[in-house]
Amino acid sequence: MKRRLWRWIPLVVWMVLIFCFSAQTAEQSSALSAPFSDAAGRLYSLIRTLFPALPEANAQALVFFTRKAAHAFLYFVLALWGIFALRAHTADLKRVCAITFAISVLYAISDEVHQAFLPGRAMRATDVLNDALSSLVAIGLYALIVIVKKRRRSP
């Protein structure tokens, strides 16, 4: 039993991390993402030197992209930790995937509701959709790997 319980710790820690990011005001969140947006801008400038036909980067677009990429990363990893925890309880791939997706979506919804109460933050359905799709990508990749491994083992 203890061996199964410890597998939930990374998922809970990751959820706390997401909560901490969500607990920031808009000003704090912007300050945190600024270095990443700047790095994305520098990377895009480098790419433009290789492909000059690309349009100029808009600063707002870079901030938007950085924030959406952060959401995607956080919920991709959340789904992986969910799979890790659930695999200790069942080998049923469909069940693991369905429960992991439900956990991810419900947590994304609660995260957006939480943000609605913070200064300068808002509840956005598009963020829930982004989070759900990111989780779905992680779940899909995991399922694909499991299926391919099973087929390779079968004669």
C-alpha atoms as a PDB file:
ATOM      1  CA  MET A   1       0.000   0.000   0.000  1.00  0.00           C
ATOM      2  CA  LYS A   2       2.788   2.437   0.895  1.00  0.00           C
ATOM      3  CA  ARG A   3       4.440   1.731  -2.427  1.00  0.00           C
ATOM      4  CA  ARG A   4       1.298   2.831  -4.210  1.00  0.00           C
ATOM      5  CA  LEU A   5       0.795   5.956  -2.138  1.00  0.00           C
ATOM      6  CA  TRP A   6       4.238   7.427  -2.767  1.00  0.00           C
ATOM      7  CA  ARG A   7       3.459   7.436  -6.505  1.00  0.00           C
ATOM      8  CA  TRP A   8       0.861  10.157  -5.868  1.00  0.00           C
ATOM      9  CA  ILE A   9       3.392  12.530  -4.300  1.00  0.00           C
ATOM     10  CA  PRO A  10       4.816  13.895  -7.598  1.00  0.00           C
ATOM     11  CA  LEU A  11       1.288  14.562  -8.891  1.00  0.00           C
ATOM     12  CA  VAL A  12       0.289  16.426  -5.726  1.00  0.00           C
ATOM     13  CA  VAL A  13       3.545  18.420  -5.719  1.00  0.00           C
ATOM     14  CA  TRP A  14       2.973  19.353  -9.381  1.00  0.00           C
ATOM     15  CA  MET A  15      -0.585  20.448  -8.575  1.00  0.00           C
ATOM     16  CA  VAL A  16       0.749  22.645  -5.759  1.00  0.00           C
ATOM     17  CA  LEU A  17       3.256  24.165  -8.183  1.00  0.00           C
ATOM     18  CA  ILE A  18       0.464  24.975 -10.648  1.00  0.00           C
ATOM     19  CA  PHE A  19      -1.596  26.446  -7.806  1.00  0.00           C
ATOM     20  CA  CYS A  20       1.335  28.666  -6.777  1.00  0.00           C
ATOM     21  CA  PHE A  21       1.710  29.971 -10.326  1.00  0.00           C
ATOM     22  CA  SER A  22      -2.029  30.602 -10.483  1.00  0.00           C
ATOM     23  CA  ALA A  23      -2.025  32.407  -7.148  1.00  0.00           C
ATOM     24  CA  GLN A  24       0.075  35.226  -8.589  1.00  0.00           C
ATOM     25  CA  THR A  25      -1.474  38.536  -9.504  1.00  0.00           C
ATOM     26  CA  ALA A  26      -1.334  39.591 -13.154  1.00  0.00           C
ATOM     27  CA  GLU A  27       1.654  41.825 -12.379  1.00  0.00           C
ATOM     28  CA  GLN A  28       3.585  39.015 -10.668  1.00  0.00           C
ATOM     29  CA  SER A  29       2.743  36.592 -13.462  1.00  0.00           C
ATOM     30  CA  SER A  30       3.920  39.040 -16.120  1.00  0.00           C
ATOM     31  CA  ALA A  31       7.189  39.616 -14.284  1.00  0.00           C
ATOM     32  CA  LEU A  32       7.764  35.869 -14.077  1.00  0.00           C
ATOM     33  CA  SER A  33       7.081  35.240 -17.759  1.00  0.00           C
ATOM     34  CA  ALA A  34       9.025  38.281 -19.044  1.00  0.00           C
ATOM     35  CA  PRO A  35      12.442  36.535 -19.220  1.00  0.00           C
ATOM     36  CA  PHE A  36      10.877  33.650 -21.144  1.00  0.00           C
ATOM     37  CA  SER A  37       9.137  36.027 -23.542  1.00  0.00           C
ATOM     38  CA  ASP A  38      12.433  37.845 -24.076  1.00  0.00           C
ATOM     39  CA  ALA A  39      14.189  34.550 -24.780  1.00  0.00           C
ATOM     40  CA  ALA A  40      11.429  33.594 -27.226  1.00  0.00           C
ATOM     41  CA  GLY A  41      11.945  36.965 -28.947  1.00  0.00           C
ATOM     42  CA  ARG A  42      15.681  36.388 -29.270  1.00  0.00           C
ATOM     43  CA  LEU A  43      15.099  32.882 -30.605  1.00  0.00           C
ATOM     44  CA  TYR A  44      12.594  34.186 -33.139  1.00  0.00           C
ATOM     45  CA  SER A  45      15.077  36.862 -34.258  1.00  0.00           C
ATOM     46  CA  LEU A  46      17.679  34.153 -34.778  1.00  0.00           C
ATOM     47  CA  ILE A  47      15.197  32.091 -36.803  1.00  0.00           C
ATOM     48  CA  ARG A  48      14.391  35.188 -38.887  1.00  0.00           C
ATOM     49  CA  THR A  49      18.057  35.531 -39.819  1.00  0.00           C
ATOM     50  CA  LEU A  50      17.837  32.025 -41.285  1.00  0.00           C
ATOM     51  CA  PHE A  51      14.407  32.633 -42.862  1.00  0.00           C
ATOM     52  CA  PRO A  52      14.148  36.362 -43.671  1.00  0.00           C
ATOM     53  CA  ALA A  53      10.693  35.955 -45.252  1.00  0.00           C
ATOM     54  CA  LEU A  54       9.159  35.442 -41.802  1.00  0.00           C
ATOM     55  CA  PRO A  55       7.250  38.467 -40.467  1.00  0.00           C
ATOM     56  CA  GLU A  56       8.523  40.671 -37.632  1.00  0.00           C
ATOM     57  CA  ALA A  57       7.696  39.329 -34.187  1.00  0.00           C
ATOM     58  CA  ASN A  58       5.036  41.190 -32.267  1.00  0.00           C
ATOM     59  CA  ALA A  59       5.903  41.557 -28.547  1.00  0.00           C
ATOM     60  CA  GLN A  60       2.329  40.784 -27.511  1.00  0.00           C
ATOM     61  CA  ALA A  61       2.304  37.682 -29.674  1.00  0.00           C
ATOM     62  CA  LEU A  62       5.524  36.466 -28.018  1.00  0.00           C
ATOM     63  CA  VAL A  63       4.060  36.989 -24.540  1.00  0.00           C
ATOM     64  CA  PHE A  64       0.885  35.184 -25.608  1.00  0.00           C
ATOM     65  CA  PHE A  65       2.874  32.287 -27.064  1.00  0.00           C
ATOM     66  CA  THR A  66       5.076  32.049 -23.960  1.00  0.00           C
ATOM     67  CA  ARG A  67       2.080  31.924 -21.624  1.00  0.00           C
ATOM     68  CA  LYS A  68       0.275  29.308 -23.703  1.00  0.00           C
ATOM     69  CA  ALA A  69       3.448  27.226 -23.946  1.00  0.00           C
ATOM     70  CA  ALA A  70       3.804  27.388 -20.147  1.00  0.00           C
ATOM     71  CA  HIS A  71       0.217  26.189 -19.713  1.00  0.00           C
ATOM     72  CA  ALA A  72       0.833  23.400 -22.221  1.00  0.00           C
ATOM     73  CA  PHE A  73       3.996  22.276 -20.464  1.00  0.00           C
ATOM     74  CA  LEU A  74       2.444  22.329 -16.988  1.00  0.00           C
ATOM     75  CA  TYR A  75      -0.560  20.243 -17.991  1.00  0.00           C
ATOM     76  CA  PHE A  76       1.440  17.881 -20.219  1.00  0.00           C
ATOM     77  CA  VAL A  77       3.587  17.042 -17.182  1.00  0.00           C
ATOM     78  CA  LEU A  78       0.520  16.924 -14.907  1.00  0.00           C
ATOM     79  CA  ALA A  79      -0.948  14.200 -17.129  1.00  0.00           C
ATOM     80  CA  LEU A  80       2.311  12.237 -17.058  1.00  0.00           C
ATOM     81  CA  TRP A  81       2.362  12.363 -13.245  1.00  0.00           C
ATOM     82  CA  GLY A  82      -1.298  11.305 -13.228  1.00  0.00           C
ATOM     83  CA  ILE A  83      -0.474   8.290 -15.378  1.00  0.00           C
ATOM     84  CA  PHE A  84       2.478   7.456 -13.114  1.00  0.00           C
ATOM     85  CA  ALA A  85       0.227   7.518 -10.036  1.00  0.00           C
ATOM     86  CA  LEU A  86      -2.656   5.578 -11.558  1.00  0.00           C
ATOM     87  CA  ARG A  87      -0.511   2.820 -13.054  1.00  0.00           C
ATOM     88  CA  ALA A  88       0.205   1.684  -9.478  1.00  0.00           C
ATOM     89  CA  HIS A  89      -3.499   0.846  -9.118  1.00  0.00           C
ATOM     90  CA  THR A  90      -4.505  -0.580 -12.492  1.00  0.00           C
ATOM     91  CA  ALA A  91      -2.989  -1.877 -15.709  1.00  0.00           C
ATOM     92  CA  ASP A  92      -6.144  -1.029 -17.679  1.00  0.00           C
ATOM     93  CA  LEU A  93      -4.864   1.464 -20.252  1.00  0.00           C
ATOM     94  CA  LYS A  94      -8.287   2.922 -21.060  1.00  0.00           C
ATOM     95  CA  ARG A  95      -9.099   3.459 -17.393  1.00  0.00           C
ATOM     96  CA  VAL A  96      -5.733   5.101 -16.681  1.00  0.00           C
ATOM     97  CA  CYS A  97      -6.114   7.412 -19.678  1.00  0.00           C
ATOM     98  CA  ALA A  98      -9.722   8.344 -18.880  1.00  0.00           C
ATOM     99  CA  ILE A  99      -9.079   9.054 -15.197  1.00  0.00           C
ATOM    100  CA  THR A 100      -5.912  10.997 -15.981  1.00  0.00           C
ATOM    101  CA  PHE A 101      -7.802  13.124 -18.495  1.00  0.00           C
ATOM    102  CA  ALA A 102     -10.604  13.739 -15.991  1.00  0.00           C
ATOM    103  CA  ILE A 103      -8.127  14.771 -13.278  1.00  0.00           C
ATOM    104  CA  SER A 104      -6.336  17.112 -15.688  1.00  0.00           C
ATOM    105  CA  VAL A 105      -9.505  18.794 -16.973  1.00  0.00           C
ATOM    106  CA  LEU A 106     -11.065  19.154 -13.527  1.00  0.00           C
ATOM    107  CA  TYR A 107      -7.836  20.641 -12.198  1.00  0.00           C
ATOM    108  CA  ALA A 108      -7.644  23.023 -15.168  1.00  0.00           C
ATOM    109  CA  ILE A 109     -11.203  24.185 -14.471  1.00  0.00           C
ATOM    110  CA  SER A 110     -10.468  24.680 -10.771  1.00  0.00           C
ATOM    111  CA  ASP A 111      -7.283  26.560 -11.712  1.00  0.00           C
ATOM    112  CA  GLU A 112      -9.240  28.993 -13.896  1.00  0.00           C
ATOM    113  CA  VAL A 113     -11.913  29.497 -11.237  1.00  0.00           C
ATOM    114  CA  HIS A 114      -9.130  30.235  -8.744  1.00  0.00           C
ATOM    115  CA  GLN A 115      -7.639  32.843 -11.088  1.00  0.00           C
ATOM    116  CA  ALA A 116     -10.984  34.622 -11.376  1.00  0.00           C
ATOM    117  CA  PHE A 117     -10.557  35.805  -7.786  1.00  0.00           C
ATOM    118  CA  LEU A 118      -7.105  37.325  -8.269  1.00  0.00           C
ATOM    119  CA  PRO A 119      -6.378  40.947  -9.231  1.00  0.00           C
ATOM    120  CA  GLY A 120      -5.823  41.333 -12.960  1.00  0.00           C
ATOM    121  CA  ARG A 121      -6.456  37.651 -13.671  1.00  0.00           C
ATOM    122  CA  ALA A 122      -9.461  36.151 -15.395  1.00  0.00           C
ATOM    123  CA  MET A 123     -11.143  32.833 -15.930  1.00  0.00           C
ATOM    124  CA  ARG A 124     -10.637  31.737 -19.542  1.00  0.00           C
ATOM    125  CA  ALA A 125     -12.249  28.770 -21.227  1.00  0.00           C
ATOM    126  CA  THR A 126      -9.467  28.852 -23.835  1.00  0.00           C
ATOM    127  CA  ASP A 127      -6.916  28.135 -21.109  1.00  0.00           C
ATOM    128  CA  VAL A 128      -8.938  25.112 -19.984  1.00  0.00           C
ATOM    129  CA  LEU A 129      -9.053  23.948 -23.595  1.00  0.00           C
ATOM    130  CA  ASN A 130      -5.285  24.464 -23.984  1.00  0.00           C
ATOM    131  CA  ASP A 131      -4.651  22.570 -20.748  1.00  0.00           C
ATOM    132  CA  ALA A 132      -6.992  19.746 -21.774  1.00  0.00           C
ATOM    133  CA  LEU A 133      -5.358  19.417 -25.196  1.00  0.00           C
ATOM    134  CA  SER A 134      -1.884  19.379 -23.645  1.00  0.00           C
ATOM    135  CA  SER A 135      -2.958  16.632 -21.261  1.00  0.00           C
ATOM    136  CA  LEU A 136      -4.523  14.745 -24.134  1.00  0.00           C
ATOM    137  CA  VAL A 137      -1.261  14.908 -26.103  1.00  0.00           C
ATOM    138  CA  ALA A 138       0.658  13.453 -23.139  1.00  0.00           C
ATOM    139  CA  ILE A 139      -1.969  10.742 -22.644  1.00  0.00           C
ATOM    140  CA  GLY A 140      -2.018   9.960 -26.358  1.00  0.00           C
ATOM    141  CA  LEU A 141       1.751   9.649 -26.550  1.00  0.00           C
ATOM    142  CA  TYR A 142       1.774   7.417 -23.507  1.00  0.00           C
ATOM    143  CA  ALA A 143      -0.987   5.197 -24.923  1.00  0.00           C
ATOM    144  CA  LEU A 144       0.821   4.989 -28.260  1.00  0.00           C
ATOM    145  CA  ILE A 145       4.043   3.893 -26.572  1.00  0.00           C
ATOM    146  CA  VAL A 146       2.214   1.240 -24.540  1.00  0.00           C
ATOM    147  CA  ILE A 147       0.397  -0.097 -27.606  1.00  0.00           C
ATOM    148  CA  VAL A 148       3.568  -0.218 -29.718  1.00  0.00           C
ATOM    149  CA  LYS A 149       5.449  -2.017 -26.929  1.00  0.00           C
ATOM    150  CA  LYS A 150       2.657  -4.581 -26.592  1.00  0.00           C
ATOM    151  CA  ARG A 151       2.635  -5.243 -30.345  1.00  0.00           C
ATOM    152  CA  ARG A 152       6.400  -5.714 -30.415  1.00  0.00           C
ATOM    153  CA  ARG A 153       6.190  -8.294 -27.623  1.00  0.00           C
ATOM    154  CA  SER A 154       3.365 -10.238 -29.274  1.00  0.00           C
ATOM    155  CA  PRO A 155       4.405 -12.864 -31.822  1.00  0.00           C
END
